[in-house]
Protein backbone atom coordinates (compact mmCIF):
# COMPACT_ATOMS: atom_id res chain seq x y z
CA MET A 1 0.08 0.07 0.02
CA MET A 2 1.25 3.51 -0.92
CA ALA A 3 0.37 6.55 0.88
CA PHE A 4 1.11 10.20 -0.40
CA LEU A 5 1.32 12.86 2.29
CA SER A 6 1.37 16.60 1.51
CA CYS A 7 1.35 19.70 3.53
CA GLU A 8 0.35 23.31 2.68
CA ASP A 9 1.99 26.33 4.16
CA VAL A 10 -0.32 29.22 4.92
CA ILE A 11 1.19 32.46 3.63
CA GLN A 12 0.03 35.64 5.05
CA VAL A 13 0.25 38.54 2.63
CA ASP A 14 0.47 41.87 4.29
CA LEU A 15 -1.33 44.33 1.99
CA PRO A 16 -0.98 47.95 1.92
CA THR A 17 -3.48 50.03 4.03
CA SER A 18 -4.18 53.65 4.09
CA GLU A 19 -6.73 55.94 5.65
CA PRO A 20 -9.91 55.95 3.47
CA ARG A 21 -10.25 58.69 1.06
CA LEU A 22 -13.44 60.48 -0.04
CA ILE A 23 -14.63 59.73 -3.69
CA ILE A 24 -16.68 62.44 -5.08
CA ASP A 25 -18.94 61.67 -8.32
CA ALA A 26 -20.63 65.14 -8.98
CA ASN A 27 -21.47 65.22 -12.59
CA PHE A 28 -24.37 67.47 -13.86
CA SER A 29 -25.98 67.61 -17.24
CA VAL A 30 -27.88 70.63 -18.36
CA PHE A 31 -30.54 69.92 -21.25
CA PHE A 32 -31.26 73.18 -23.08
CA ASN A 33 -32.90 71.72 -25.95
CA GLU A 34 -35.63 69.95 -24.22
CA THR A 35 -38.87 71.43 -22.75
CA PRO A 36 -38.84 72.25 -19.83
CA MET A 37 -34.93 72.85 -19.90
CA THR A 38 -33.70 70.92 -17.01
CA THR A 39 -30.32 70.37 -14.97
CA GLU A 40 -29.76 66.67 -13.85
CA GLY A 41 -27.34 65.37 -11.45
CA SER A 42 -26.43 64.68 -7.81
CA VAL A 43 -23.37 64.45 -5.46
CA ILE A 44 -22.41 60.92 -4.66
CA LEU A 45 -20.05 60.53 -1.89
CA LYS A 46 -18.27 57.16 -1.03
CA LEU A 47 -15.21 56.10 0.85
CA SER A 48 -12.27 54.32 -0.63
CA ALA A 49 -12.05 50.76 0.80
CA PRO A 50 -9.18 48.28 1.48
CA PHE A 51 -7.53 46.02 -1.24
CA PHE A 52 -10.03 43.16 -2.26
CA GLN A 53 -12.87 44.98 -0.58
CA GLU A 54 -15.25 45.76 -3.76
CA LYS A 55 -18.11 47.39 -1.95
CA LEU A 56 -17.68 50.90 -1.09
CA SER A 57 -19.34 52.46 2.13
CA PRO A 58 -21.40 55.78 1.62
CA ALA A 59 -19.94 58.92 3.13
CA ASN A 60 -22.83 60.16 5.24
CA ASN A 61 -23.99 63.46 7.15
CA ALA A 62 -21.94 65.75 4.82
CA THR A 63 -22.69 69.28 4.21
CA VAL A 64 -23.04 69.88 0.34
CA PHE A 65 -23.75 73.02 -1.62
CA ILE A 66 -22.75 74.76 -4.90
CA THR A 67 -22.13 78.53 -5.24
CA ASN A 68 -22.20 80.54 -8.15
CA LEU A 69 -19.17 82.41 -7.71
CA ASP A 70 -20.28 85.13 -10.31
CA ASP A 71 -23.57 86.20 -8.60
CA GLY A 72 -23.35 84.55 -5.06
CA SER A 73 -26.17 82.13 -5.54
CA ILE A 74 -25.91 79.15 -3.28
CA TYR A 75 -27.71 75.63 -3.98
CA GLY A 76 -27.88 73.41 -1.12
CA PHE A 77 -27.88 69.55 -1.23
CA GLU A 78 -29.80 66.98 1.00
CA GLU A 79 -28.77 63.36 1.60
CA ASN A 80 -31.37 60.70 0.33
CA GLY A 81 -31.54 58.59 3.43
CA ASN A 82 -28.13 56.96 4.13
CA THR A 83 -27.06 56.41 0.82
CA GLY A 84 -24.41 58.67 0.38
CA ILE A 85 -26.34 60.39 -2.70
CA TYR A 86 -26.89 64.10 -2.14
CA GLU A 87 -29.66 65.55 -4.10
CA PRO A 88 -30.66 69.30 -4.84
CA ALA A 89 -32.66 70.77 -2.01
CA GLN A 90 -34.34 73.21 -4.59
CA PRO A 91 -34.64 73.53 -8.25
CA PHE A 92 -31.42 74.60 -9.96
CA ASP A 93 -31.40 77.80 -12.02
CA LEU A 94 -30.03 77.00 -15.35
CA PRO A 95 -26.24 77.41 -15.23
CA ASN A 96 -24.64 80.13 -17.56
CA PHE A 97 -21.67 79.38 -19.69
CA ASN A 98 -19.80 82.35 -18.45
CA ASP A 99 -20.34 81.71 -14.77
CA GLN A 100 -18.01 79.77 -12.47
CA TYR A 101 -19.30 77.38 -10.06
CA GLU A 102 -17.86 75.94 -6.96
CA LEU A 103 -18.75 72.75 -5.20
CA THR A 104 -18.11 72.59 -1.51
CA ILE A 105 -18.21 69.51 0.75
CA LEU A 106 -17.77 69.52 4.51
CA TYR A 107 -17.08 66.00 5.77
CA GLU A 108 -15.73 64.94 9.05
CA SER A 109 -14.10 68.49 9.94
CA LYS A 110 -12.53 68.52 6.35
CA THR A 111 -13.31 70.96 3.57
CA TYR A 112 -13.31 69.82 -0.04
CA LYS A 113 -13.65 72.41 -2.97
CA GLY A 114 -13.66 72.32 -6.63
CA SER A 115 -14.92 74.75 -9.38
CA VAL A 116 -15.93 74.55 -13.26
CA ARG A 117 -17.72 76.29 -15.63
CA LEU A 118 -20.32 74.88 -17.98
CA ILE A 119 -18.94 73.18 -21.19
CA PRO A 120 -20.78 73.24 -24.20
CA SER A 121 -21.86 70.41 -26.33
CA VAL A 122 -23.46 69.77 -29.77
CA PRO A 123 -26.76 67.89 -30.69
CA ILE A 124 -27.12 64.29 -31.75
CA ASP A 125 -28.09 64.16 -35.36
CA GLU A 126 -29.39 60.76 -35.60
CA ILE A 127 -29.22 57.31 -33.81
CA SER A 128 -30.27 54.28 -35.82
CA GLN A 129 -30.12 50.49 -35.54
CA GLY A 130 -27.61 48.91 -37.71
CA ASP A 131 -26.99 45.22 -38.78
CA GLY A 132 -23.46 44.72 -38.12
CA THR A 133 -22.25 42.32 -35.57
CA LEU A 134 -18.85 41.50 -33.99
CA PHE A 135 -17.74 38.23 -32.30
CA THR A 136 -20.76 36.18 -31.40
CA GLY A 137 -23.31 37.65 -33.94
CA ASP A 138 -25.71 38.57 -31.32
CA GLU A 139 -24.58 41.93 -30.68
CA THR A 140 -26.98 44.84 -31.66
CA GLU A 141 -25.34 47.78 -33.62
CA VAL A 142 -26.26 51.21 -32.90
CA LEU A 143 -25.21 54.04 -35.20
CA VAL A 144 -24.56 57.44 -33.79
CA LYS A 145 -24.29 60.62 -35.78
CA PHE A 146 -23.17 64.15 -34.71
CA THR A 147 -21.61 67.09 -36.13
CA ASP A 148 -18.83 68.84 -34.53
CA VAL A 149 -18.42 72.59 -34.12
CA GLY A 150 -15.20 73.70 -36.36
CA SER A 151 -14.49 76.92 -34.49
CA ARG A 152 -13.23 75.26 -31.12
CA ASP A 153 -11.41 72.23 -29.65
CA ASP A 154 -14.28 69.92 -28.28
CA TYR A 155 -14.27 66.79 -26.08
CA TYR A 156 -17.14 64.86 -25.47
CA LEU A 157 -18.27 61.98 -23.05
CA PHE A 158 -20.99 59.78 -24.55
CA ASP A 159 -23.32 58.17 -21.90
CA LEU A 160 -24.40 55.12 -23.86
CA ASP A 161 -26.87 53.79 -21.35
CA PHE A 162 -26.43 50.76 -19.09
CA ASP A 163 -23.32 52.34 -17.30
CA LEU A 164 -21.49 52.37 -20.56
CA TYR A 165 -19.30 55.23 -21.50
CA LEU A 166 -17.18 56.70 -24.24
CA PRO A 167 -14.83 59.68 -24.26
CA THR A 168 -13.84 61.32 -27.44
CA GLU A 169 -12.18 64.33 -28.84
CA ASP A 170 -12.64 66.12 -32.14
CA ARG A 171 -8.92 66.04 -33.29
CA PHE A 172 -9.96 63.92 -36.12
CA TYR A 173 -13.26 65.27 -37.17
CA GLN A 174 -13.26 68.74 -36.27
CA GLY A 175 -16.04 70.75 -37.96
CA GLU A 176 -17.23 67.68 -39.51
CA GLN A 177 -20.09 65.17 -39.26
CA PHE A 178 -18.88 62.13 -37.47
CA VAL A 179 -20.74 58.50 -37.47
CA PHE A 180 -19.61 55.76 -35.22
CA SER A 181 -20.83 52.25 -34.38
CA TYR A 182 -21.53 50.83 -30.73
CA PHE A 183 -22.14 47.16 -30.28
CA TYR A 184 -24.42 46.12 -27.25
CA GLU A 185 -24.98 42.77 -25.84
CA ASP A 186 -27.98 41.22 -24.49
CA LEU A 187 -30.52 43.73 -26.09
CA GLU A 188 -33.91 42.48 -27.05
CA PRO A 189 -36.42 43.94 -29.61
CA GLY A 190 -38.58 46.49 -27.59
CA ASN A 191 -35.66 47.45 -25.44
CA GLU A 192 -35.04 51.17 -25.27
CA VAL A 193 -31.54 52.74 -25.41
CA ILE A 194 -30.81 56.30 -24.43
CA ILE A 195 -27.72 57.91 -25.76
CA THR A 196 -26.67 61.23 -24.09
CA LEU A 197 -23.83 63.48 -25.34
CA ASN A 198 -22.01 65.57 -22.79
CA GLY A 199 -19.59 68.29 -23.39
CA VAL A 200 -16.49 68.15 -21.23
CA ASP A 201 -13.09 69.90 -20.95
CA LYS A 202 -9.70 68.23 -21.73
CA GLN A 203 -9.02 67.38 -18.12
CA PHE A 204 -12.37 65.54 -17.49
CA TYR A 205 -11.77 63.71 -20.92
CA ASN A 206 -8.29 62.58 -19.87
CA TYR A 207 -9.69 61.59 -16.27
CA MET A 208 -12.50 59.42 -17.85
CA SER A 209 -10.19 57.89 -20.40
CA ILE A 210 -7.77 56.65 -17.57
CA LEU A 211 -10.56 55.55 -15.46
CA LEU A 212 -12.35 53.54 -18.17
CA ASP A 213 -9.11 51.89 -18.94
CA GLN A 214 -8.64 50.88 -15.28
CA SER A 215 -12.08 49.77 -14.34
CA GLY A 216 -13.18 48.29 -17.82
CA GLN A 217 -16.91 48.36 -18.75
CA ASN A 218 -18.18 45.22 -17.16
CA GLY A 219 -21.59 46.21 -16.44
CA GLY A 220 -20.96 47.99 -13.14
CA GLY A 221 -19.88 51.23 -14.53
CA PRO A 222 -16.63 53.04 -13.81
CA PHE A 223 -18.18 54.72 -10.76
CA GLU A 224 -18.97 51.64 -8.94
CA SER A 225 -15.43 50.85 -7.63
CA ALA A 226 -12.79 53.09 -6.25
CA PRO A 227 -11.01 55.01 -9.09
CA SER A 228 -7.59 53.87 -7.88
CA THR A 229 -5.52 56.95 -7.18
CA ILE A 230 -6.63 59.07 -10.04
CA ARG A 231 -7.02 62.51 -8.60
CA GLY A 232 -9.57 64.73 -10.23
CA ASN A 233 -10.43 68.39 -9.81
CA MET A 234 -11.30 68.33 -6.12
CA VAL A 235 -9.07 69.54 -3.47
CA ASN A 236 -8.97 69.23 0.28
CA THR A 237 -8.45 72.65 1.39
CA THR A 238 -8.03 71.45 5.23
CA ASN A 239 -5.25 68.95 4.42
CA PRO A 240 -3.77 68.89 0.87
CA ASP A 241 -2.25 65.59 1.50
CA GLY A 242 -5.68 63.98 2.15
CA TYR A 243 -6.82 64.79 -1.49
CA PRO A 244 -10.20 63.13 -2.68
CA LEU A 245 -10.84 61.01 -5.56
CA GLY A 246 -13.38 61.62 -8.21
CA TYR A 247 -14.52 64.71 -10.17
CA PHE A 248 -16.92 67.70 -10.33
CA SER A 249 -18.19 68.30 -13.75
CA MET A 250 -20.97 70.50 -15.48
CA SER A 251 -21.99 69.71 -19.14
CA GLU A 252 -24.18 70.84 -21.66
CA ALA A 253 -26.08 67.57 -22.76
CA ASN A 254 -28.12 66.39 -25.75
CA ARG A 255 -29.98 62.90 -25.81
CA LEU A 256 -31.93 60.82 -28.21
CA SER A 257 -33.57 57.58 -27.70
CA LEU A 258 -33.91 54.25 -29.83
CA VAL A 259 -36.28 51.28 -29.46
CA ILE A 260 -34.47 48.16 -30.63
CA GLU A 261 -36.34 46.30 -33.39
């Protein structure tokens, strides 16, 4: 009779730890071409988590407000339950392109600030369903057509629905009409796809490009996990070394919807 004996050593891995950082997702879209004209968005606050911990904790009980630095108007936000999602306490006035807006967050005796201007966009000319496929043959092709403005350098962020995003710049199609295809998985006839085109600045374009490269687009969206150590445009004015993660943006936006056949 033969017997085989084996043993396994348990290896303890000491992973680096650090103080949780505040993660700020504060993106606002302004729809001038809709009736009524509206501003949509909220401030989502979370705390970064240790390595291997995917779920992020909400940052509760913060004081959040946006100030129009040109006319002094202040817009307060209130937390929706204990979710870390802070929504406007009163309707927004429609932002002006020439005004500067400052987001202030007071959290655990620290002050975080960031300022932006409203970034222009362009309309979506048309979205339509194509008949192309990629790998499995089950994908649904959606064609998006829009026309860039030739008098300025533009950066865009497409919200392609279902937590899918695409940043693009007009370097190769400035002043021209541009058409691209996007392929969706698991769409059924009758499903609706809403595509939104946001105007962004170069800094936010670069931020989203890096974030999407790191996080991928696996259905959870780039904001579902901690955005590594990608620093955005918010600063900790109390302790600069305790900088937050995330971004504050304000975009003119246009959207169209398509029902899949």
